[in-house]
């Protein structure tokens, strides 16, 4: 955070991989999840933030990030504030 780095974390749990079907492909299991005709996006919860998916993430981040002011963004804010754009304050967005 001190150097302005942005970290994007994406995790797919093992149980989710099993349900989605990719876990069994190497064993020839072709009738589960996507291979059974379900949509891939049904298994990818990108509409939820990591803070929505697990209530332990925020505490974990705060433990190792220190005491600098930390701004947690919503998915909607990723496209503006995540690129250092502030609504209605275009003079500071240079």
PDB file of N, CA and C in Angstrom:
ATOM      1  N   UNK A   1       0.834  -1.184   0.000  1.00  0.00           N
ATOM      2  CA  UNK A   1       0.000   0.000   0.000  1.00  0.00           C
ATOM      3  C   UNK A   1       0.880   1.249   0.000  1.00  0.00           C
ATOM      4  N   UNK A   2       2.004   1.166   0.634  1.00  0.00           N
ATOM      5  CA  UNK A   2       2.916   2.305   0.697  1.00  0.00           C
ATOM      6  C   UNK A   2       3.368   2.734  -0.703  1.00  0.00           C
ATOM      7  N   UNK A   3       3.547   1.766  -1.595  1.00  0.00           N
ATOM      8  CA  UNK A   3       4.029   2.057  -2.937  1.00  0.00           C
ATOM      9  C   UNK A   3       2.900   2.145  -3.962  1.00  0.00           C
ATOM     10  N   UNK A   4       1.649   2.098  -3.521  1.00  0.00           N
ATOM     11  CA  UNK A   4       0.522   2.222  -4.435  1.00  0.00           C
ATOM     12  C   UNK A   4       0.219   0.962  -5.226  1.00  0.00           C
ATOM     13  N   UNK A   5       0.652  -0.179  -4.720  1.00  0.00           N
ATOM     14  CA  UNK A   5       0.395  -1.439  -5.429  1.00  0.00           C
ATOM     15  C   UNK A   5      -1.059  -1.859  -5.245  1.00  0.00           C
ATOM     16  N   UNK A   6      -1.633  -2.449  -6.272  1.00  0.00           N
ATOM     17  CA  UNK A   6      -3.001  -2.969  -6.220  1.00  0.00           C
ATOM     18  C   UNK A   6      -2.917  -4.490  -6.318  1.00  0.00           C
ATOM     19  N   UNK A   7      -3.530  -5.182  -5.371  1.00  0.00           N
ATOM     20  CA  UNK A   7      -3.500  -6.642  -5.355  1.00  0.00           C
ATOM     21  C   UNK A   7      -4.914  -7.150  -5.608  1.00  0.00           C
ATOM     22  N   UNK A   8      -5.059  -7.972  -6.623  1.00  0.00           N
ATOM     23  CA  UNK A   8      -6.334  -8.606  -6.924  1.00  0.00           C
ATOM     24  C   UNK A   8      -6.189 -10.090  -6.619  1.00  0.00           C
ATOM     25  N   UNK A   9      -7.034 -10.588  -5.747  1.00  0.00           N
ATOM     26  CA  UNK A   9      -6.956 -11.982  -5.337  1.00  0.00           C
ATOM     27  C   UNK A   9      -8.185 -12.721  -5.815  1.00  0.00           C
ATOM     28  N   UNK A  10      -7.976 -13.854  -6.419  1.00  0.00           N
ATOM     29  CA  UNK A  10      -9.084 -14.704  -6.847  1.00  0.00           C
ATOM     30  C   UNK A  10      -8.787 -16.112  -6.369  1.00  0.00           C
ATOM     31  N   UNK A  11      -9.703 -16.706  -5.641  1.00  0.00           N
ATOM     32  CA  UNK A  11      -9.514 -18.053  -5.124  1.00  0.00           C
ATOM     33  C   UNK A  11     -10.704 -18.912  -5.504  1.00  0.00           C
ATOM     34  N   UNK A  12     -10.419 -20.109  -5.957  1.00  0.00           N
ATOM     35  CA  UNK A  12     -11.472 -21.072  -6.243  1.00  0.00           C
ATOM     36  C   UNK A  12     -11.282 -22.229  -5.281  1.00  0.00           C
ATOM     37  N   UNK A  13     -12.258 -22.418  -4.419  1.00  0.00           N
ATOM     38  CA  UNK A  13     -12.178 -23.477  -3.413  1.00  0.00           C
ATOM     39  C   UNK A  13     -12.276 -24.854  -4.075  1.00  0.00           C
ATOM     40  N   UNK A  14     -11.668 -25.833  -3.438  1.00  0.00           N
ATOM     41  CA  UNK A  14     -11.693 -27.193  -3.950  1.00  0.00           C
ATOM     42  C   UNK A  14     -13.103 -27.731  -4.118  1.00  0.00           C
ATOM     43  N   UNK A  15     -13.971 -27.469  -3.142  1.00  0.00           N
ATOM     44  CA  UNK A  15     -15.354 -27.942  -3.243  1.00  0.00           C
ATOM     45  C   UNK A  15     -16.067 -27.291  -4.420  1.00  0.00           C
ATOM     46  N   UNK A  16     -15.722 -26.028  -4.691  1.00  0.00           N
ATOM     47  CA  UNK A  16     -16.331 -25.338  -5.826  1.00  0.00           C
ATOM     48  C   UNK A  16     -15.836 -25.951  -7.140  1.00  0.00           C
ATOM     49  N   UNK A  17     -14.557 -26.335  -7.200  1.00  0.00           N
ATOM     50  CA  UNK A  17     -14.027 -26.978  -8.398  1.00  0.00           C
ATOM     51  C   UNK A  17     -14.692 -28.336  -8.633  1.00  0.00           C
ATOM     52  N   UNK A  18     -14.979 -29.050  -7.556  1.00  0.00           N
ATOM     53  CA  UNK A  18     -15.652 -30.342  -7.683  1.00  0.00           C
ATOM     54  C   UNK A  18     -17.057 -30.144  -8.237  1.00  0.00           C
ATOM     55  N   UNK A  19     -17.788 -29.169  -7.677  1.00  0.00           N
ATOM     56  CA  UNK A  19     -19.148 -28.886  -8.130  1.00  0.00           C
ATOM     57  C   UNK A  19     -19.167 -28.400  -9.569  1.00  0.00           C
ATOM     58  N   UNK A  20     -18.195 -27.577  -9.929  1.00  0.00           N
ATOM     59  CA  UNK A  20     -18.103 -27.012 -11.272  1.00  0.00           C
ATOM     60  C   UNK A  20     -17.723 -28.084 -12.295  1.00  0.00           C
ATOM     61  N   UNK A  21     -16.980 -29.092 -11.876  1.00  0.00           N
ATOM     62  CA  UNK A  21     -16.661 -30.196 -12.768  1.00  0.00           C
ATOM     63  C   UNK A  21     -15.228 -30.291 -13.218  1.00  0.00           C
ATOM     64  N   UNK A  22     -14.434 -29.230 -13.087  1.00  0.00           N
ATOM     65  CA  UNK A  22     -13.061 -29.282 -13.598  1.00  0.00           C
ATOM     66  C   UNK A  22     -12.181 -30.231 -12.793  1.00  0.00           C
ATOM     67  N   UNK A  23     -12.530 -30.478 -11.549  1.00  0.00           N
ATOM     68  CA  UNK A  23     -11.741 -31.373 -10.711  1.00  0.00           C
ATOM     69  C   UNK A  23     -11.762 -32.804 -11.238  1.00  0.00           C
ATOM     70  N   UNK A  24     -12.885 -33.234 -11.798  1.00  0.00           N
ATOM     71  CA  UNK A  24     -13.008 -34.619 -12.249  1.00  0.00           C
ATOM     72  C   UNK A  24     -12.633 -34.866 -13.689  1.00  0.00           C
ATOM     73  N   UNK A  25     -12.294 -33.818 -14.443  1.00  0.00           N
ATOM     74  CA  UNK A  25     -11.966 -33.997 -15.856  1.00  0.00           C
ATOM     75  C   UNK A  25     -10.787 -34.932 -16.074  1.00  0.00           C
ATOM     76  N   UNK A  26      -9.772 -34.830 -15.237  1.00  0.00           N
ATOM     77  CA  UNK A  26      -8.583 -35.669 -15.426  1.00  0.00           C
ATOM     78  C   UNK A  26      -8.898 -37.150 -15.195  1.00  0.00           C
ATOM     79  N   UNK A  27     -10.011 -37.419 -14.518  1.00  0.00           N
ATOM     80  CA  UNK A  27     -10.417 -38.808 -14.268  1.00  0.00           C
ATOM     81  C   UNK A  27     -11.537 -39.243 -15.213  1.00  0.00           C
ATOM     82  N   UNK A  28     -11.841 -38.409 -16.196  1.00  0.00           N
ATOM     83  CA  UNK A  28     -12.840 -38.778 -17.183  1.00  0.00           C
ATOM     84  C   UNK A  28     -14.277 -38.573 -16.742  1.00  0.00           C
ATOM     85  N   UNK A  29     -14.488 -37.825 -15.667  1.00  0.00           N
ATOM     86  CA  UNK A  29     -15.845 -37.563 -15.192  1.00  0.00           C
ATOM     87  C   UNK A  29     -16.430 -36.428 -16.030  1.00  0.00           C
ATOM     88  N   UNK A  30     -17.275 -36.777 -16.969  1.00  0.00           N
ATOM     89  CA  UNK A  30     -17.782 -35.796 -17.930  1.00  0.00           C
ATOM     90  C   UNK A  30     -19.250 -35.454 -17.725  1.00  0.00           C
ATOM     91  N   UNK A  31     -19.813 -35.796 -16.584  1.00  0.00           N
ATOM     92  CA  UNK A  31     -21.250 -35.543 -16.376  1.00  0.00           C
ATOM     93  C   UNK A  31     -21.540 -34.696 -15.137  1.00  0.00           C
ATOM     94  N   UNK A  32     -20.616 -33.818 -14.783  1.00  0.00           N
ATOM     95  CA  UNK A  32     -20.785 -32.957 -13.607  1.00  0.00           C
ATOM     96  C   UNK A  32     -20.575 -31.503 -14.018  1.00  0.00           C
ATOM     97  N   UNK A  33     -21.375 -30.630 -13.467  1.00  0.00           N
ATOM     98  CA  UNK A  33     -21.186 -29.194 -13.646  1.00  0.00           C
ATOM     99  C   UNK A  33     -21.236 -28.730 -15.082  1.00  0.00           C
ATOM    100  N   UNK A  34     -20.176 -28.032 -15.511  1.00  0.00           N
ATOM    101  CA  UNK A  34     -20.111 -27.465 -16.847  1.00  0.00           C
ATOM    102  C   UNK A  34     -20.182 -28.561 -17.905  1.00  0.00           C
ATOM    103  N   UNK A  35     -19.538 -29.669 -17.653  1.00  0.00           N
ATOM    104  CA  UNK A  35     -19.559 -30.761 -18.624  1.00  0.00           C
ATOM    105  C   UNK A  35     -20.956 -31.362 -18.771  1.00  0.00           C
ATOM    106  N   UNK A  36     -21.813 -31.147 -17.775  1.00  0.00           N
ATOM    107  CA  UNK A  36     -23.195 -31.621 -17.841  1.00  0.00           C
ATOM    108  C   UNK A  36     -24.121 -30.580 -18.452  1.00  0.00           C
ATOM    109  N   UNK A  37     -23.552 -29.451 -18.902  1.00  0.00           N
ATOM    110  CA  UNK A  37     -24.350 -28.440 -19.583  1.00  0.00           C
ATOM    111  C   UNK A  37     -24.660 -27.196 -18.772  1.00  0.00           C
ATOM    112  N   UNK A  38     -24.165 -27.101 -17.549  1.00  0.00           N
ATOM    113  CA  UNK A  38     -24.392 -25.892 -16.745  1.00  0.00           C
ATOM    114  C   UNK A  38     -23.452 -24.782 -17.209  1.00  0.00           C
ATOM    115  N   UNK A  39     -23.824 -23.540 -16.943  1.00  0.00           N
ATOM    116  CA  UNK A  39     -23.026 -22.385 -17.360  1.00  0.00           C
ATOM    117  C   UNK A  39     -21.846 -22.171 -16.410  1.00  0.00           C
ATOM    118  N   UNK A  40     -20.683 -21.876 -16.967  1.00  0.00           N
ATOM    119  CA  UNK A  40     -19.480 -21.627 -16.172  1.00  0.00           C
ATOM    120  C   UNK A  40     -19.692 -20.475 -15.195  1.00  0.00           C
ATOM    121  N   UNK A  41     -20.395 -19.412 -15.626  1.00  0.00           N
ATOM    122  CA  UNK A  41     -20.579 -18.256 -14.754  1.00  0.00           C
ATOM    123  C   UNK A  41     -21.443 -18.570 -13.531  1.00  0.00           C
ATOM    124  N   UNK A  42     -22.173 -19.676 -13.555  1.00  0.00           N
ATOM    125  CA  UNK A  42     -22.917 -20.084 -12.362  1.00  0.00           C
ATOM    126  C   UNK A  42     -21.979 -20.488 -11.229  1.00  0.00           C
ATOM    127  N   UNK A  43     -20.748 -20.797 -11.568  1.00  0.00           N
ATOM    128  CA  UNK A  43     -19.773 -21.262 -10.582  1.00  0.00           C
ATOM    129  C   UNK A  43     -18.718 -20.216 -10.241  1.00  0.00           C
ATOM    130  N   UNK A  44     -18.795 -19.054 -10.869  1.00  0.00           N
ATOM    131  CA  UNK A  44     -17.797 -18.000 -10.659  1.00  0.00           C
ATOM    132  C   UNK A  44     -18.486 -16.799 -10.024  1.00  0.00           C
ATOM    133  N   UNK A  45     -18.413 -16.664  -8.715  1.00  0.00           N
ATOM    134  CA  UNK A  45     -19.138 -15.585  -8.026  1.00  0.00           C
ATOM    135  C   UNK A  45     -18.418 -14.242  -8.067  1.00  0.00           C
ATOM    136  N   UNK A  46     -18.084 -13.770  -9.279  1.00  0.00           N
ATOM    137  CA  UNK A  46     -17.358 -12.506  -9.373  1.00  0.00           C
ATOM    138  C   UNK A  46     -18.240 -11.305  -9.068  1.00  0.00           C
ATOM    139  N   UNK A  47     -19.533 -11.530  -8.918  1.00  0.00           N
ATOM    140  CA  UNK A  47     -20.416 -10.430  -8.547  1.00  0.00           C
ATOM    141  C   UNK A  47     -20.313 -10.126  -7.051  1.00  0.00           C
ATOM    142  N   UNK A  48     -19.613 -10.973  -6.304  1.00  0.00           N
ATOM    143  CA  UNK A  48     -19.406 -10.747  -4.869  1.00  0.00           C
ATOM    144  C   UNK A  48     -17.952 -10.373  -4.617  1.00  0.00           C
ATOM    145  N   UNK A  49     -17.750  -9.477  -3.684  1.00  0.00           N
ATOM    146  CA  UNK A  49     -16.373  -9.145  -3.307  1.00  0.00           C
ATOM    147  C   UNK A  49     -15.852 -10.226  -2.360  1.00  0.00           C
ATOM    148  N   UNK A  50     -14.554 -10.242  -2.165  1.00  0.00           N
ATOM    149  CA  UNK A  50     -13.983 -11.219  -1.243  1.00  0.00           C
ATOM    150  C   UNK A  50     -14.500 -10.971   0.169  1.00  0.00           C
ATOM    151  N   UNK A  51     -14.807  -9.717   0.484  1.00  0.00           N
ATOM    152  CA  UNK A  51     -15.336  -9.397   1.810  1.00  0.00           C
ATOM    153  C   UNK A  51     -16.748  -9.950   1.989  1.00  0.00           C
ATOM    154  N   UNK A  52     -17.510 -10.046   0.896  1.00  0.00           N
ATOM    155  CA  UNK A  52     -18.847 -10.641   0.959  1.00  0.00           C
ATOM    156  C   UNK A  52     -18.779 -12.157   1.060  1.00  0.00           C
ATOM    157  N   UNK A  53     -17.772 -12.731   0.435  1.00  0.00           N
ATOM    158  CA  UNK A  53     -17.665 -14.189   0.393  1.00  0.00           C
ATOM    159  C   UNK A  53     -17.103 -14.779   1.675  1.00  0.00           C
ATOM    160  N   UNK A  54     -16.278 -14.027   2.397  1.00  0.00           N
ATOM    161  CA  UNK A  54     -15.675 -14.555   3.629  1.00  0.00           C
ATOM    162  C   UNK A  54     -15.463 -13.399   4.605  1.00  0.00           C
ATOM    163  N   UNK A  55     -16.098 -13.475   5.751  1.00  0.00           N
ATOM    164  CA  UNK A  55     -15.995 -12.373   6.718  1.00  0.00           C
ATOM    165  C   UNK A  55     -14.654 -12.340   7.458  1.00  0.00           C
ATOM    166  N   UNK A  56     -13.779 -13.305   7.214  1.00  0.00           N
ATOM    167  CA  UNK A  56     -12.460 -13.318   7.860  1.00  0.00           C
ATOM    168  C   UNK A  56     -11.398 -12.553   7.057  1.00  0.00           C
ATOM    169  N   UNK A  57     -11.672 -12.278   5.801  1.00  0.00           N
ATOM    170  CA  UNK A  57     -10.669 -11.659   4.925  1.00  0.00           C
ATOM    171  C   UNK A  57     -10.268 -10.272   5.405  1.00  0.00           C
ATOM    172  N   UNK A  58     -11.232  -9.447   5.770  1.00  0.00           N
ATOM    173  CA  UNK A  58     -10.926  -8.079   6.181  1.00  0.00           C
ATOM    174  C   UNK A  58     -10.033  -8.061   7.421  1.00  0.00           C
ATOM    175  N   UNK A  59     -10.340  -8.888   8.398  1.00  0.00           N
ATOM    176  CA  UNK A  59      -9.516  -8.974   9.609  1.00  0.00           C
ATOM    177  C   UNK A  59      -8.109  -9.434   9.266  1.00  0.00           C
ATOM    178  N   UNK A  60      -7.999 -10.432   8.400  1.00  0.00           N
ATOM    179  CA  UNK A  60      -6.698 -10.960   7.998  1.00  0.00           C
ATOM    180  C   UNK A  60      -5.877  -9.876   7.306  1.00  0.00           C
ATOM    181  N   UNK A  61      -6.493  -9.132   6.387  1.00  0.00           N
ATOM    182  CA  UNK A  61      -5.777  -8.064   5.694  1.00  0.00           C
ATOM    183  C   UNK A  61      -5.309  -6.980   6.653  1.00  0.00           C
ATOM    184  N   UNK A  62      -6.191  -6.567   7.547  1.00  0.00           N
ATOM    185  CA  UNK A  62      -5.831  -5.512   8.494  1.00  0.00           C
ATOM    186  C   UNK A  62      -4.703  -5.944   9.423  1.00  0.00           C
ATOM    187  N   UNK A  63      -4.599  -7.233   9.711  1.00  0.00           N
ATOM    188  CA  UNK A  63      -3.536  -7.733  10.592  1.00  0.00           C
ATOM    189  C   UNK A  63      -2.154  -7.543   9.998  1.00  0.00           C
ATOM    190  N   UNK A  64      -1.992  -7.721   8.702  1.00  0.00           N
ATOM    191  CA  UNK A  64      -0.651  -7.615   8.133  1.00  0.00           C
ATOM    192  C   UNK A  64      -0.408  -6.354   7.326  1.00  0.00           C
ATOM    193  N   UNK A  65      -1.447  -5.549   7.098  1.00  0.00           N
ATOM    194  CA  UNK A  65      -1.260  -4.335   6.306  1.00  0.00           C
ATOM    195  C   UNK A  65      -0.826  -3.138   7.142  1.00  0.00           C
ATOM    196  N   UNK A  66      -0.870  -3.230   8.432  1.00  0.00           N
ATOM    197  CA  UNK A  66      -0.434  -2.116   9.260  1.00  0.00           C
ATOM    198  C   UNK A  66      -1.548  -1.130   9.524  1.00  0.00           C
ATOM    199  N   UNK A  67      -1.151   0.047   9.961  1.00  0.00           N
ATOM    200  CA  UNK A  67      -2.128   1.036  10.398  1.00  0.00           C
ATOM    201  C   UNK A  67      -2.351   2.171   9.412  1.00  0.00           C
ATOM    202  N   UNK A  68      -1.786   2.071   8.206  1.00  0.00           N
ATOM    203  CA  UNK A  68      -2.054   3.089   7.192  1.00  0.00           C
ATOM    204  C   UNK A  68      -3.547   3.100   6.877  1.00  0.00           C
ATOM    205  N   UNK A  69      -4.078   4.247   6.487  1.00  0.00           N
ATOM    206  CA  UNK A  69      -5.498   4.272   6.117  1.00  0.00           C
ATOM    207  C   UNK A  69      -5.754   3.336   4.933  1.00  0.00           C
ATOM    208  N   UNK A  70      -6.706   2.457   5.092  1.00  0.00           N
ATOM    209  CA  UNK A  70      -7.014   1.458   4.072  1.00  0.00           C
ATOM    210  C   UNK A  70      -8.426   1.693   3.572  1.00  0.00           C
ATOM    211  N   UNK A  71      -8.589   1.686   2.261  1.00  0.00           N
ATOM    212  CA  UNK A  71      -9.893   1.897   1.653  1.00  0.00           C
ATOM    213  C   UNK A  71     -10.324   0.598   0.981  1.00  0.00           C
ATOM    214  N   UNK A  72     -11.395  -0.015   1.481  1.00  0.00           N
ATOM    215  CA  UNK A  72     -11.942  -1.216   0.878  1.00  0.00           C
ATOM    216  C   UNK A  72     -13.007  -0.795  -0.132  1.00  0.00           C
ATOM    217  N   UNK A  73     -12.849  -1.229  -1.379  1.00  0.00           N
ATOM    218  CA  UNK A  73     -13.747  -0.826  -2.450  1.00  0.00           C
ATOM    219  C   UNK A  73     -14.826  -1.866  -2.713  1.00  0.00           C
ATOM    220  N   UNK A  74     -15.976  -1.387  -3.147  1.00  0.00           N
ATOM    221  CA  UNK A  74     -17.031  -2.275  -3.615  1.00  0.00           C
ATOM    222  C   UNK A  74     -16.736  -2.603  -5.083  1.00  0.00           C
ATOM    223  N   UNK A  75     -17.335  -3.667  -5.625  1.00  0.00           N
ATOM    224  CA  UNK A  75     -17.096  -3.964  -7.043  1.00  0.00           C
ATOM    225  C   UNK A  75     -17.420  -2.782  -7.951  1.00  0.00           C
ATOM    226  N   UNK A  76     -18.431  -1.993  -7.642  1.00  0.00           N
ATOM    227  CA  UNK A  76     -18.782  -0.835  -8.461  1.00  0.00           C
ATOM    228  C   UNK A  76     -17.658   0.214  -8.435  1.00  0.00           C
ATOM    229  N   UNK A  77     -16.982   0.348  -7.299  1.00  0.00           N
ATOM    230  CA  UNK A  77     -15.906   1.332  -7.163  1.00  0.00           C
ATOM    231  C   UNK A  77     -14.616   0.908  -7.865  1.00  0.00           C
ATOM    232  N   UNK A  78     -14.482  -0.375  -8.204  1.00  0.00           N
ATOM    233  CA  UNK A  78     -13.252  -0.854  -8.833  1.00  0.00           C
ATOM    234  C   UNK A  78     -12.963  -0.128 -10.133  1.00  0.00           C
ATOM    235  N   UNK A  79     -14.008   0.276 -10.867  1.00  0.00           N
ATOM    236  CA  UNK A  79     -13.816   0.866 -12.193  1.00  0.00           C
ATOM    237  C   UNK A  79     -13.537   2.360 -12.134  1.00  0.00           C
ATOM    238  N   UNK A  80     -13.758   2.986 -10.995  1.00  0.00           N
ATOM    239  CA  UNK A  80     -13.448   4.407 -10.886  1.00  0.00           C
ATOM    240  C   UNK A  80     -12.396   4.623  -9.799  1.00  0.00           C
ATOM    241  N   UNK A  81     -12.768   4.441  -8.584  1.00  0.00           N
ATOM    242  CA  UNK A  81     -11.841   4.661  -7.466  1.00  0.00           C
ATOM    243  C   UNK A  81     -10.650   3.707  -7.527  1.00  0.00           C
ATOM    244  N   UNK A  82     -10.852   2.514  -8.036  1.00  0.00           N
ATOM    245  CA  UNK A  82      -9.756   1.552  -8.170  1.00  0.00           C
ATOM    246  C   UNK A  82      -8.676   2.006  -9.137  1.00  0.00           C
ATOM    247  N   UNK A  83      -9.019   2.982  -9.966  1.00  0.00           N
ATOM    248  CA  UNK A  83      -8.055   3.581 -10.894  1.00  0.00           C
ATOM    249  C   UNK A  83      -7.724   5.006 -10.467  1.00  0.00           C
ATOM    250  N   UNK A  84      -7.911   5.265  -9.183  1.00  0.00           N
ATOM    251  CA  UNK A  84      -7.628   6.571  -8.584  1.00  0.00           C
ATOM    252  C   UNK A  84      -8.481   7.691  -9.168  1.00  0.00           C
ATOM    253  N   UNK A  85      -9.687   7.366  -9.600  1.00  0.00           N
ATOM    254  CA  UNK A  85     -10.617   8.385 -10.075  1.00  0.00           C
ATOM    255  C   UNK A  85     -11.620   8.674  -8.969  1.00  0.00           C
ATOM    256  N   UNK A  86     -11.832   9.945  -8.682  1.00  0.00           N
ATOM    257  CA  UNK A  86     -12.755  10.358  -7.634  1.00  0.00           C
ATOM    258  C   UNK A  86     -13.924  11.080  -8.295  1.00  0.00           C
ATOM    259  N   UNK A  87     -15.146  10.619  -8.036  1.00  0.00           N
ATOM    260  CA  UNK A  87     -16.326  11.247  -8.633  1.00  0.00           C
ATOM    261  C   UNK A  87     -16.413  12.725  -8.279  1.00  0.00           C
ATOM    262  N   UNK A  88     -16.730  13.544  -9.270  1.00  0.00           N
ATOM    263  CA  UNK A  88     -16.940  14.989  -9.112  1.00  0.00           C
ATOM    264  C   UNK A  88     -15.699  15.740  -8.636  1.00  0.00           C
ATOM    265  N   UNK A  89     -14.541  15.157  -8.759  1.00  0.00           N
ATOM    266  CA  UNK A  89     -13.307  15.838  -8.378  1.00  0.00           C
ATOM    267  C   UNK A  89     -12.266  15.611  -9.475  1.00  0.00           C
ATOM    268  N   UNK A  90     -12.628  16.008 -10.685  1.00  0.00           N
ATOM    269  CA  UNK A  90     -11.773  15.696 -11.828  1.00  0.00           C
ATOM    270  C   UNK A  90     -10.424  16.407 -11.767  1.00  0.00           C
ATOM    271  N   UNK A  91     -10.328  17.493 -11.043  1.00  0.00           N
ATOM    272  CA  UNK A  91      -9.050  18.198 -10.993  1.00  0.00           C
ATOM    273  C   UNK A  91      -7.965  17.390 -10.269  1.00  0.00           C
ATOM    274  N   UNK A  92      -8.346  16.428  -9.429  1.00  0.00           N
ATOM    275  CA  UNK A  92      -7.313  15.633  -8.753  1.00  0.00           C
ATOM    276  C   UNK A  92      -7.103  14.291  -9.451  1.00  0.00           C
ATOM    277  N   UNK A  93      -7.779  14.047 -10.557  1.00  0.00           N
ATOM    278  CA  UNK A  93      -7.667  12.772 -11.267  1.00  0.00           C
ATOM    279  C   UNK A  93      -6.656  12.826 -12.409  1.00  0.00           C
ATOM    280  N   UNK A  94      -5.620  13.599 -12.261  1.00  0.00           N
ATOM    281  CA  UNK A  94      -4.628  13.728 -13.331  1.00  0.00           C
ATOM    282  C   UNK A  94      -3.515  12.753 -13.161  1.00  0.00           C
TER     283      UNK A  94
END
